[in-house]
Amino acid sequence: MGKDPGVPKASSFKPRIRAAQYVRRSTDLQTYSMENQKDAISDYADIMGYDIVATYEDAGKSGLKIGGRPGLQRLLADIEARLGNFETVIVYDVSRWGRFQNIDESASYEYRCQIAGVRIEYCAEQFVNDGSIGSDVLKAIKRSMAADYSRVLSQKVFVGQCRLVRMGFWQGGIPGLGLRRLQLDKAGQPKGILARYEYKNLQTDRIVLVPGPPEEIAVVRLIFDQFVRARKTQLEIARLLNKRGIVTDLNRAWTRESVNHIIGCEKYIGHNVWNRRSAKLKLKWVFNPPSQWVRADNAFDAIVDPKLFSRAQAIVRAQSVLMSREQMLAALSKLLERRGKLTRSIIDAAPECPPAARYTARFGDLLRTYAMINHNPRRDFTWFETNKHLRAIRAGIIRNLLTAIENVGGHAVHDEENDLIRINGEMTVAMATSRCQATCCGYPRWVTGTERKPEPDVSVLIRMNPDNQTIRDYLIAATSEMKYLTAGLTANNGAKLDAFLFTSLGPLVALAERTAIRELC
């Protein structure tokens, strides 16, 4: 019997290489849409004989820092843990891998993949990422170009924002007590007042500030009147407002600093002042000198008499004559001698001393300041280190939760701005750690925290063991249930409440799991 010529020999079959794809989009620009990237990677994989077996993606994520990019973090974790059953990762181009401002950071993540036996390939670049001198040089140039693109774009955005500020448009931030944000369409016609946590949804719309509720405007004017005409200090005004049951626009009690903030805000006389502080390219926030401020005078309707405001600023300047280091420390020593102890609240309440924030700015922190006047507070400050440890535990749990949800077919992202985990676009989760505290009788107790905005659908409380180093369990409950836990948690809370306690976040992962629906025959 002759051989079938249509059947090739077994030796002619070449095993296909298993590959993963990583895609990232920072904006809605069509050029770098997720679909375009995946199409290009698919065509490249067909030509190279690769099978795409895994997808890692970061939608709407900046490439400046790895923080906030769960897709890339999960990719690196899977590769280094040998969980990814693939030999290569295909990326559209170098800029999709990241626009890290330090190009060595970009190289370090690729190197971590290489030492784990996984290579990175860029399907839209003009070079083969084979480790040759030529490809390494071109790759370094591309990384530098990607970083420079972000710097140039940041400058262009900044120039555009400056132009809008000078035109009288509000460029973000809380409007403040007595003011509201009014949304305008591209023709300048009002569309409505934005509530807190509401934002414009069209790029062509603009925001201006307008007077808010009359009762709030009355509070602002009362502050200026008491400060200028009654000659009361910021601290005395704060006490007056608190005594009357008046709260700030953030629903908090008044302090010397919050009153001082109202007195110094030029928006109350209609001036639009921007760029007092900035954090360009995801760097730390810095306070800019007045020469760098961008302003438009008389951009909004004033709710405070400009002459009254000017008199208030003159009083503030007279109050804030810069004290020398020695004068600041001498005032603090006298306060310690008078009160017998020092805390932030005691310093803020002392008219003869600058506020605690000024000591922190001048000397680094309060503990260092205390040491300069030979004061050793009796309080144990090891809780600072404990807090640092708890923050690290929480960050690790969030990363692991995002990965676990992705592994069961769900989709989860960490909204860092609101500090919420958004799962499958359907629900939000807030996560907090609760240190174990002993009652006066020695029994363990866990504080559940305060209400937060925006309110999540589900709240997770990570309860620590008495050493506050290891995790005891997780309280996973609808936020509506958490509102009743004002007294906190104990070791035994009754069956109704303890039913929400789990040894892992498995129930939350199971809730997020998605199963593909089979196609009907």
Protein backbone atom coordinates (compact mmCIF):
# COMPACT_ATOMS: atom_id res chain seq x y z
CA MET A 1 0.00 0.00 0.00
CA GLY A 2 1.42 3.41 -1.02
CA LYS A 3 1.87 6.29 1.41
CA ASP A 4 -0.65 9.10 1.38
CA PRO A 5 1.22 12.09 -0.09
CA GLY A 6 -1.13 14.50 1.69
CA VAL A 7 0.10 13.43 5.13
CA PRO A 8 3.50 14.88 6.04
CA LYS A 9 6.06 12.93 7.97
CA ALA A 10 5.96 13.19 11.73
CA SER A 11 9.44 14.70 11.72
CA SER A 12 8.20 17.66 9.59
CA PHE A 13 5.97 18.98 12.42
CA LYS A 14 7.62 21.83 14.34
CA PRO A 15 6.26 22.49 17.83
CA ARG A 16 4.84 25.98 18.16
CA ILE A 17 6.22 28.30 20.81
CA ARG A 18 3.93 29.28 23.65
CA ALA A 19 3.83 33.04 24.18
CA ALA A 20 2.09 35.62 26.33
CA GLN A 21 1.11 39.10 25.24
CA TYR A 22 1.32 42.29 27.28
CA VAL A 23 -0.74 45.30 26.18
CA ARG A 24 -1.10 48.70 27.81
CA ARG A 25 -3.13 51.80 27.04
CA SER A 26 -2.79 55.04 29.00
CA THR A 27 -5.49 57.00 27.14
CA ASP A 28 -8.30 56.37 24.66
CA LEU A 29 -6.12 57.25 21.65
CA GLN A 30 -6.92 54.89 18.77
CA THR A 31 -3.25 54.50 17.80
CA TYR A 32 -2.50 52.54 20.94
CA SER A 33 -5.92 50.97 21.54
CA MET A 34 -5.88 47.52 23.10
CA GLU A 35 -7.48 46.04 19.97
CA ASN A 36 -4.83 47.50 17.67
CA GLN A 37 -2.05 46.15 19.83
CA LYS A 38 -3.62 42.69 20.04
CA ASP A 39 -4.19 42.58 16.26
CA ALA A 40 -0.55 43.47 15.58
CA ILE A 41 0.67 40.91 18.12
CA SER A 42 -1.62 38.25 16.61
CA ASP A 43 -0.22 38.86 13.11
CA TYR A 44 3.32 38.73 14.48
CA ALA A 45 2.59 35.48 16.33
CA ASP A 46 1.20 33.85 13.17
CA ILE A 47 4.32 34.74 11.22
CA MET A 48 6.67 33.56 13.98
CA GLY A 49 4.71 30.39 14.74
CA TYR A 50 3.72 31.37 18.27
CA ASP A 51 0.58 30.43 20.21
CA ILE A 52 -0.77 33.19 22.47
CA VAL A 53 -1.63 31.36 25.68
CA ALA A 54 -1.91 34.26 28.15
CA THR A 55 -2.79 37.93 28.11
CA TYR A 56 -1.69 40.56 30.57
CA GLU A 57 -3.08 44.05 30.17
CA ASP A 58 -3.19 47.44 31.83
CA ALA A 59 -6.06 49.56 30.53
CA GLY A 60 -5.90 53.26 31.24
CA LYS A 61 -2.58 53.00 33.09
CA SER A 62 0.32 55.42 32.91
CA GLY A 63 3.66 53.98 31.86
CA LEU A 64 5.68 56.28 34.12
CA LYS A 65 5.71 53.97 37.16
CA ILE A 66 5.10 50.30 37.80
CA GLY A 67 2.85 51.19 40.72
CA GLY A 68 -0.78 51.04 39.66
CA ARG A 69 -0.03 48.62 36.80
CA PRO A 70 -1.38 45.29 38.09
CA GLY A 71 -1.03 43.65 34.68
CA LEU A 72 2.74 44.16 34.47
CA GLN A 73 3.15 43.32 38.15
CA ARG A 74 1.25 40.05 37.67
CA LEU A 75 3.30 39.25 34.57
CA LEU A 76 6.59 39.68 36.46
CA ALA A 77 5.27 37.71 39.44
CA ASP A 78 4.11 34.80 37.27
CA ILE A 79 7.41 34.68 35.39
CA GLU A 80 9.59 34.76 38.49
CA ALA A 81 7.38 32.20 40.25
CA ARG A 82 7.54 29.96 37.15
CA LEU A 83 3.74 30.05 36.95
CA GLY A 84 3.61 31.24 33.35
CA ASN A 85 3.64 28.35 30.90
CA PHE A 86 5.21 30.37 28.09
CA GLU A 87 8.66 31.05 26.65
CA THR A 88 8.32 34.60 25.41
CA VAL A 89 6.30 37.76 25.97
CA ILE A 90 5.23 39.83 22.98
CA VAL A 91 4.80 43.58 23.42
CA TYR A 92 3.72 46.03 20.72
CA ASP A 93 6.70 48.38 21.15
CA VAL A 94 9.12 49.67 23.78
CA SER A 95 6.79 52.49 24.85
CA ARG A 96 4.02 49.97 25.75
CA TRP A 97 6.47 48.27 28.11
CA GLY A 98 6.74 51.63 29.84
CA ARG A 99 7.77 55.26 29.63
CA PHE A 100 9.89 55.05 32.77
CA GLN A 101 11.81 58.29 33.37
CA ASN A 102 14.85 56.24 34.38
CA ILE A 103 15.53 53.96 31.42
CA ASP A 104 17.48 51.61 33.71
CA GLU A 105 14.18 50.85 35.49
CA SER A 106 12.67 49.70 32.20
CA ALA A 107 15.73 47.54 31.51
CA SER A 108 15.58 46.02 34.99
CA TYR A 109 12.09 44.60 34.46
CA GLU A 110 13.10 43.08 31.14
CA TYR A 111 16.23 41.64 32.77
CA ARG A 112 14.13 39.99 35.48
CA CYS A 113 12.23 38.18 32.74
CA GLN A 114 15.40 37.13 30.97
CA ILE A 115 17.05 35.58 34.03
CA ALA A 116 13.82 33.61 34.58
CA GLY A 117 14.17 32.19 31.05
CA VAL A 118 11.51 34.32 29.31
CA ARG A 119 12.46 36.70 26.53
CA ILE A 120 10.69 39.92 25.53
CA GLU A 121 9.90 40.61 21.87
CA TYR A 122 8.61 43.89 20.39
CA CYS A 123 6.51 43.20 17.32
CA ALA A 124 6.32 46.78 15.98
CA GLU A 125 9.98 47.74 16.37
CA GLN A 126 12.52 47.77 13.55
CA PHE A 127 14.99 45.59 15.42
CA VAL A 128 15.08 42.06 16.77
CA ASN A 129 15.47 41.94 20.54
CA ASP A 130 18.20 39.29 20.40
CA GLY A 131 20.73 40.74 22.83
CA SER A 132 23.10 41.92 20.11
CA ILE A 133 24.96 45.22 20.48
CA GLY A 134 22.88 46.78 17.73
CA SER A 135 19.55 45.83 19.30
CA ASP A 136 20.68 46.94 22.77
CA VAL A 137 21.73 50.35 21.43
CA LEU A 138 18.46 50.82 19.54
CA LYS A 139 16.48 49.65 22.56
CA ALA A 140 18.24 52.16 24.81
CA ILE A 141 17.46 54.92 22.31
CA LYS A 142 13.82 53.85 22.15
CA ARG A 143 13.57 53.82 25.94
CA SER A 144 15.04 57.32 26.09
CA MET A 145 12.60 58.48 23.39
CA ALA A 146 9.66 56.96 25.31
CA ALA A 147 10.72 58.76 28.50
CA ASP A 148 11.26 62.02 26.63
CA TYR A 149 7.82 61.75 25.03
CA SER A 150 6.24 61.82 28.49
CA ARG A 151 8.33 64.82 29.50
CA VAL A 152 7.37 66.73 26.34
CA LEU A 153 3.71 65.72 26.68
CA SER A 154 3.71 66.79 30.34
CA GLN A 155 5.03 70.20 29.34
CA LYS A 156 2.40 70.56 26.60
CA VAL A 157 -0.36 69.61 29.03
CA PHE A 158 1.01 72.09 31.56
CA VAL A 159 1.04 74.89 29.00
CA GLY A 160 -2.55 74.05 28.04
CA GLN A 161 -3.65 74.08 31.68
CA CYS A 162 -1.96 77.45 32.24
CA ARG A 163 -3.87 78.86 29.28
CA LEU A 164 -7.19 77.62 30.66
CA VAL A 165 -6.42 79.04 34.11
CA ARG A 166 -5.69 82.46 32.61
CA MET A 167 -9.03 82.20 30.78
CA GLY A 168 -10.72 81.81 34.17
CA PHE A 169 -11.46 78.06 34.15
CA TRP A 170 -11.01 75.94 37.28
CA GLN A 171 -8.36 73.25 36.86
CA GLY A 172 -9.32 70.73 39.50
CA GLY A 173 -9.36 70.44 43.25
CA ILE A 174 -12.00 70.83 45.94
CA PRO A 175 -13.86 74.14 45.45
CA GLY A 176 -13.96 74.91 49.17
CA LEU A 177 -16.55 76.08 51.66
CA GLY A 178 -19.03 78.50 50.13
CA LEU A 179 -18.14 77.69 46.52
CA ARG A 180 -19.37 75.18 43.94
CA ARG A 181 -18.17 73.92 40.54
CA LEU A 182 -20.33 74.84 37.56
CA GLN A 183 -19.94 72.77 34.38
CA LEU A 184 -20.04 74.64 31.05
CA ASP A 185 -20.34 73.19 27.56
CA LYS A 186 -17.98 74.16 24.73
CA ALA A 187 -20.20 77.15 23.92
CA GLY A 188 -19.92 78.42 27.50
CA GLN A 189 -23.51 77.53 28.42
CA PRO A 190 -24.14 76.18 31.96
CA LYS A 191 -24.85 72.44 32.22
CA GLY A 192 -25.27 72.15 35.97
CA ILE A 193 -23.57 72.19 39.37
CA LEU A 194 -21.24 69.25 40.01
CA ALA A 195 -21.63 67.48 43.32
CA ARG A 196 -18.65 66.17 45.20
CA TYR A 197 -17.01 63.20 43.41
CA GLU A 198 -18.76 64.23 40.18
CA TYR A 199 -16.59 65.17 37.23
CA LYS A 200 -17.12 66.41 33.71
CA ASN A 201 -17.42 63.67 31.08
CA LEU A 202 -16.56 65.63 27.93
CA GLN A 203 -13.08 66.94 27.22
CA THR A 204 -14.53 70.09 25.64
CA ASP A 205 -16.50 71.02 28.77
CA ARG A 206 -15.06 73.53 31.24
CA ILE A 207 -15.47 74.24 34.96
CA VAL A 208 -15.84 77.58 36.75
CA LEU A 209 -16.42 78.41 40.41
CA VAL A 210 -19.69 80.01 41.50
CA PRO A 211 -21.08 81.02 44.92
CA GLY A 212 -22.42 78.10 46.93
CA PRO A 213 -25.21 77.80 49.52
CA PRO A 214 -25.92 81.05 51.45
CA GLU A 215 -25.34 79.37 54.81
CA GLU A 216 -21.79 78.38 53.77
CA ILE A 217 -21.05 81.84 52.40
CA ALA A 218 -22.20 83.25 55.76
CA VAL A 219 -19.63 81.04 57.57
CA VAL A 220 -16.82 82.23 55.29
CA ARG A 221 -17.75 85.87 55.86
CA LEU A 222 -18.02 85.23 59.62
CA ILE A 223 -14.44 83.93 59.64
CA PHE A 224 -13.10 87.07 57.94
CA ASP A 225 -15.22 89.36 60.12
CA GLN A 226 -14.03 87.71 63.34
CA PHE A 227 -10.42 87.75 62.17
CA VAL A 228 -10.29 91.37 60.95
CA ARG A 229 -12.90 93.29 62.93
CA ALA A 230 -13.07 91.27 66.16
CA ARG A 231 -9.29 90.64 66.07
CA LYS A 232 -9.70 87.00 67.07
CA THR A 233 -6.94 84.51 66.31
CA GLN A 234 -7.38 81.56 63.99
CA LEU A 235 -7.48 79.25 67.01
CA GLU A 236 -10.19 81.31 68.72
CA ILE A 237 -12.27 81.33 65.53
CA ALA A 238 -11.91 77.53 65.22
CA ARG A 239 -13.14 77.09 68.78
CA LEU A 240 -16.06 79.44 68.11
CA LEU A 241 -17.16 77.50 65.02
CA ASN A 242 -16.82 74.15 66.78
CA LYS A 243 -18.84 75.44 69.72
CA ARG A 244 -21.64 76.42 67.34
CA GLY A 245 -21.58 72.96 65.75
CA ILE A 246 -20.36 74.24 62.37
CA VAL A 247 -18.17 71.85 60.35
CA THR A 248 -15.81 72.36 57.42
CA ASP A 249 -16.68 71.53 53.82
CA LEU A 250 -15.07 68.12 54.48
CA ASN A 251 -17.46 67.56 57.41
CA ARG A 252 -14.64 67.88 59.95
CA ALA A 253 -14.07 69.95 63.05
CA TRP A 254 -12.27 73.26 62.60
CA THR A 255 -8.59 73.71 63.50
CA ARG A 256 -6.25 76.67 63.45
CA GLU A 257 -4.85 75.49 60.13
CA SER A 258 -8.25 75.03 58.45
CA VAL A 259 -9.29 78.55 59.45
CA ASN A 260 -5.96 79.92 58.25
CA HIS A 261 -6.51 78.15 54.91
CA ILE A 262 -9.84 79.95 54.42
CA ILE A 263 -8.29 83.32 55.26
CA GLY A 264 -5.48 82.86 52.72
CA CYS A 265 -7.55 81.60 49.75
CA GLU A 266 -7.75 84.18 46.95
CA LYS A 267 -10.62 82.32 45.30
CA TYR A 268 -12.93 83.96 47.84
CA ILE A 269 -12.29 87.31 46.13
CA GLY A 270 -12.66 85.72 42.67
CA HIS A 271 -8.98 85.13 41.84
CA ASN A 272 -8.10 81.89 40.07
CA VAL A 273 -4.67 80.82 41.37
CA TRP A 274 -3.10 77.55 40.25
CA ASN A 275 0.21 75.64 40.45
CA ARG A 276 0.90 76.50 44.07
CA ARG A 277 2.22 72.96 44.27
CA SER A 278 2.85 70.31 41.64
CA ALA A 279 3.86 66.69 41.11
CA LYS A 280 4.98 66.35 37.52
CA LEU A 281 5.66 62.93 35.98
CA LYS A 282 4.41 61.08 39.10
CA LEU A 283 7.14 62.61 41.28
CA LYS A 284 6.63 63.85 44.83
CA TRP A 285 4.49 66.91 45.47
CA VAL A 286 6.50 70.11 45.86
CA PHE A 287 5.43 73.62 46.86
CA ASN A 288 6.24 76.15 44.17
CA PRO A 289 7.39 79.74 44.81
CA PRO A 290 4.86 82.49 44.02
CA SER A 291 6.79 83.34 40.86
CA GLN A 292 5.62 80.01 39.39
CA TRP A 293 1.97 80.43 40.30
CA VAL A 294 -0.48 80.84 37.42
CA ARG A 295 -3.32 83.27 38.05
CA ALA A 296 -6.31 85.08 36.61
CA ASP A 297 -7.65 87.86 38.80
CA ASN A 298 -11.39 88.52 39.00
CA ALA A 299 -12.18 85.25 37.23
CA PHE A 300 -15.10 84.34 39.54
CA ASP A 301 -17.73 86.15 41.58
CA ALA A 302 -16.23 87.25 44.90
CA ILE A 303 -18.03 86.22 48.10
CA VAL A 304 -15.74 88.26 50.38
CA ASP A 305 -15.13 92.01 50.16
CA PRO A 306 -11.67 92.51 48.55
CA LYS A 307 -10.82 95.30 51.01
CA LEU A 308 -11.66 93.03 53.94
CA PHE A 309 -9.53 90.29 52.38
CA SER A 310 -6.56 92.67 51.96
CA ARG A 311 -6.79 93.68 55.62
CA ALA A 312 -6.81 90.00 56.60
CA GLN A 313 -3.65 89.35 54.59
CA ALA A 314 -1.90 92.26 56.28
CA ILE A 315 -2.72 90.75 59.68
CA VAL A 316 -1.48 87.32 58.54
CA ARG A 317 1.82 88.83 57.33
CA ALA A 318 2.27 90.56 60.68
CA GLN A 319 1.58 87.28 62.49
CA SER A 320 3.90 85.20 60.37
CA VAL A 321 7.14 87.12 60.85
CA LEU A 322 9.64 84.33 60.36
CA MET A 323 10.97 83.07 63.67
CA SER A 324 14.52 81.83 63.84
CA ARG A 325 15.28 78.23 64.72
CA GLU A 326 16.34 79.31 68.19
CA GLN A 327 13.13 81.28 68.75
CA MET A 328 10.97 78.37 67.63
CA LEU A 329 12.78 75.95 69.95
CA ALA A 330 12.65 78.42 72.85
CA ALA A 331 8.88 78.81 72.42
CA LEU A 332 8.49 75.04 72.38
CA SER A 333 10.61 74.67 75.54
CA LYS A 334 8.44 77.19 77.38
CA LEU A 335 5.31 75.31 76.25
CA LEU A 336 6.78 72.03 77.54
CA GLU A 337 7.59 73.65 80.87
CA ARG A 338 4.05 75.00 81.14
CA ARG A 339 2.14 71.88 80.01
CA GLY A 340 4.51 69.13 81.13
CA LYS A 341 4.18 67.26 77.83
CA LEU A 342 4.01 67.90 74.09
CA THR A 343 1.69 66.59 71.40
CA ARG A 344 0.68 67.88 67.99
CA SER A 345 -2.67 69.08 69.32
CA ILE A 346 -1.03 70.87 72.27
CA ILE A 347 1.36 72.70 69.94
CA ASP A 348 -1.42 73.65 67.53
CA ALA A 349 -3.51 75.01 70.41
CA ALA A 350 -0.69 77.21 71.79
CA PRO A 351 -0.88 80.79 70.44
CA GLU A 352 2.75 81.49 71.37
CA CYS A 353 4.06 78.63 69.22
CA PRO A 354 4.05 78.13 65.45
CA PRO A 355 1.80 75.23 64.38
CA ALA A 356 3.22 71.71 64.51
CA ALA A 357 3.33 71.58 60.71
CA ARG A 358 5.86 74.42 60.72
CA TYR A 359 8.10 72.56 63.17
CA THR A 360 7.90 69.51 60.92
CA ALA A 361 8.78 71.56 57.86
CA ARG A 362 11.72 73.24 59.61
CA PHE A 363 13.23 70.31 61.54
CA GLY A 364 12.06 67.18 59.69
CA ASP A 365 9.60 65.72 62.21
CA LEU A 366 8.35 66.29 65.73
CA LEU A 367 10.48 63.58 67.33
CA ARG A 368 13.64 65.21 65.99
CA THR A 369 12.34 68.57 67.24
CA TYR A 370 11.71 67.13 70.70
CA ALA A 371 15.28 65.82 70.84
CA MET A 372 16.60 69.33 70.15
CA ILE A 373 15.01 70.59 73.39
CA ASN A 374 16.07 67.44 75.30
CA HIS A 375 12.53 66.14 75.56
CA ASN A 376 12.00 62.38 75.55
CA PRO A 377 8.26 61.68 75.24
CA ARG A 378 7.04 58.88 77.46
CA ARG A 379 4.86 57.52 74.68
CA ASP A 380 6.18 54.46 72.83
CA PHE A 381 6.64 55.44 69.20
CA THR A 382 7.16 51.91 67.93
CA TRP A 383 3.64 52.23 66.52
CA PHE A 384 5.21 54.22 63.69
CA GLU A 385 7.08 51.10 62.56
CA THR A 386 3.99 48.97 63.12
CA ASN A 387 1.96 51.26 60.87
CA LYS A 388 4.64 50.99 58.19
CA HIS A 389 4.48 47.18 58.46
CA LEU A 390 0.67 47.19 58.27
CA ARG A 391 0.71 49.37 55.16
CA ALA A 392 3.12 46.93 53.50
CA ILE A 393 0.89 43.97 54.43
CA ARG A 394 -2.17 45.70 52.99
CA ALA A 395 -0.39 46.59 49.74
CA GLY A 396 0.75 42.97 49.33
CA ILE A 397 -2.75 41.63 49.98
CA ILE A 398 -4.22 43.97 47.37
CA ARG A 399 -1.66 42.83 44.78
CA ASN A 400 -2.34 39.17 45.54
CA LEU A 401 -6.11 39.73 45.38
CA LEU A 402 -5.86 41.35 41.95
CA THR A 403 -3.79 38.43 40.69
CA ALA A 404 -6.13 35.82 42.18
CA ILE A 405 -9.18 37.43 40.58
CA GLU A 406 -7.48 37.61 37.18
CA ASN A 407 -6.55 33.92 37.50
CA VAL A 408 -10.21 32.89 37.88
CA GLY A 409 -11.33 34.85 34.84
CA GLY A 410 -12.39 38.04 36.58
CA HIS A 411 -11.04 41.55 36.17
CA ALA A 412 -9.91 43.77 39.03
CA VAL A 413 -8.05 47.06 39.25
CA HIS A 414 -6.90 49.18 42.16
CA ASP A 415 -8.29 52.70 41.85
CA GLU A 416 -5.48 54.47 43.71
CA GLU A 417 -7.14 57.89 43.59
CA ASN A 418 -10.13 56.68 45.64
CA ASP A 419 -8.24 53.72 47.16
CA LEU A 420 -10.90 51.25 46.00
CA ILE A 421 -10.65 47.87 44.26
CA ARG A 422 -13.03 47.71 41.31
CA ILE A 423 -14.06 44.16 40.39
CA ASN A 424 -15.56 43.22 37.01
CA GLY A 425 -16.87 46.76 36.65
CA GLU A 426 -19.69 45.70 38.98
CA MET A 427 -18.66 46.37 42.56
CA THR A 428 -16.12 48.24 44.63
CA VAL A 429 -14.17 46.94 47.62
CA ALA A 430 -12.42 48.92 50.36
CA MET A 431 -9.70 47.22 52.36
CA ALA A 432 -8.28 48.28 55.72
CA THR A 433 -6.04 46.77 58.37
CA SER A 434 -6.99 46.81 62.04
CA ARG A 435 -4.31 46.45 64.69
CA CYS A 436 -5.08 44.36 67.74
CA GLN A 437 -5.47 46.43 70.89
CA ALA A 438 -5.91 45.18 74.44
CA THR A 439 -8.74 46.48 76.60
CA CYS A 440 -8.16 47.49 80.24
CA CYS A 441 -8.97 43.89 81.18
CA GLY A 442 -6.50 42.46 78.68
CA TYR A 443 -9.03 41.22 76.10
CA PRO A 444 -8.22 41.78 72.40
CA ARG A 445 -10.21 44.37 70.46
CA TRP A 446 -10.17 45.59 66.86
CA VAL A 447 -11.35 49.03 65.73
CA THR A 448 -13.39 48.97 62.51
CA GLY A 449 -12.53 52.50 61.36
CA THR A 450 -14.70 55.39 60.21
CA GLU A 451 -16.98 55.97 57.26
CA ARG A 452 -15.33 56.85 53.96
CA LYS A 453 -16.35 58.45 50.69
CA PRO A 454 -17.07 57.28 48.08
CA GLU A 455 -18.74 54.43 49.93
CA PRO A 456 -17.72 50.94 48.69
CA ASP A 457 -20.09 48.06 48.11
CA VAL A 458 -18.00 45.62 50.15
CA SER A 459 -15.63 46.32 53.04
CA VAL A 460 -12.74 44.07 54.04
CA LEU A 461 -11.14 44.41 57.47
CA ILE A 462 -7.80 42.64 57.95
CA ARG A 463 -7.62 41.72 61.64
CA MET A 464 -4.12 41.35 63.03
CA ASN A 465 -2.93 39.02 65.76
CA PRO A 466 -1.85 40.55 69.12
CA ASP A 467 1.72 40.91 67.83
CA ASN A 468 0.38 43.09 64.96
CA GLN A 469 2.82 41.29 62.69
CA THR A 470 0.71 38.41 61.40
CA ILE A 471 -2.86 38.19 60.12
CA ARG A 472 -5.59 36.64 62.28
CA ASP A 473 -8.50 36.65 59.80
CA TYR A 474 -10.54 38.74 57.37
CA LEU A 475 -13.91 40.36 57.92
CA ILE A 476 -15.69 40.44 54.53
CA ALA A 477 -19.10 42.10 54.61
CA ALA A 478 -21.36 44.49 52.77
CA THR A 479 -20.58 48.04 53.82
CA SER A 480 -24.14 48.42 55.07
CA GLU A 481 -23.35 45.76 57.70
CA MET A 482 -20.11 47.50 58.72
CA LYS A 483 -21.96 50.65 59.73
CA TYR A 484 -23.28 48.87 62.81
CA LEU A 485 -19.81 47.94 64.08
CA THR A 486 -19.15 51.28 65.78
CA ALA A 487 -18.02 49.51 68.96
CA GLY A 488 -15.40 47.50 67.11
CA LEU A 489 -14.76 43.77 67.16
CA THR A 490 -13.80 41.39 69.96
CA ALA A 491 -12.63 37.78 69.95
CA ASN A 492 -16.26 36.59 70.05
CA ASN A 493 -18.95 38.72 68.44
CA GLY A 494 -21.87 36.34 68.11
CA ALA A 495 -22.85 34.06 65.25
CA LYS A 496 -24.49 36.81 63.20
CA LEU A 497 -21.27 38.83 63.01
CA ASP A 498 -18.65 36.08 63.14
CA ALA A 499 -20.27 34.55 60.06
CA PHE A 500 -18.48 37.28 58.09
CA LEU A 501 -15.02 36.21 59.35
CA PHE A 502 -12.82 34.12 57.03
CA THR A 503 -9.27 32.80 57.09
CA SER A 504 -8.58 34.05 53.55
CA LEU A 505 -10.02 36.24 50.81
CA GLY A 506 -11.26 33.12 49.01
CA PRO A 507 -14.95 34.09 49.25
CA LEU A 508 -14.23 37.44 47.59
CA VAL A 509 -12.26 35.73 44.81
CA ALA A 510 -15.10 33.23 44.30
CA LEU A 511 -17.55 36.11 44.05
CA ALA A 512 -15.45 37.64 41.26
CA GLU A 513 -14.97 34.38 39.34
CA ARG A 514 -16.22 34.32 35.76
CA THR A 515 -16.84 31.21 33.66
CA ALA A 516 -17.00 31.33 29.88
CA ILE A 517 -20.43 30.40 28.50
CA ARG A 518 -20.18 27.56 26.03
CA GLU A 519 -21.47 28.24 22.57
CA LEU A 520 -24.81 26.58 21.91
CA CYS A 521 -24.76 23.92 19.24
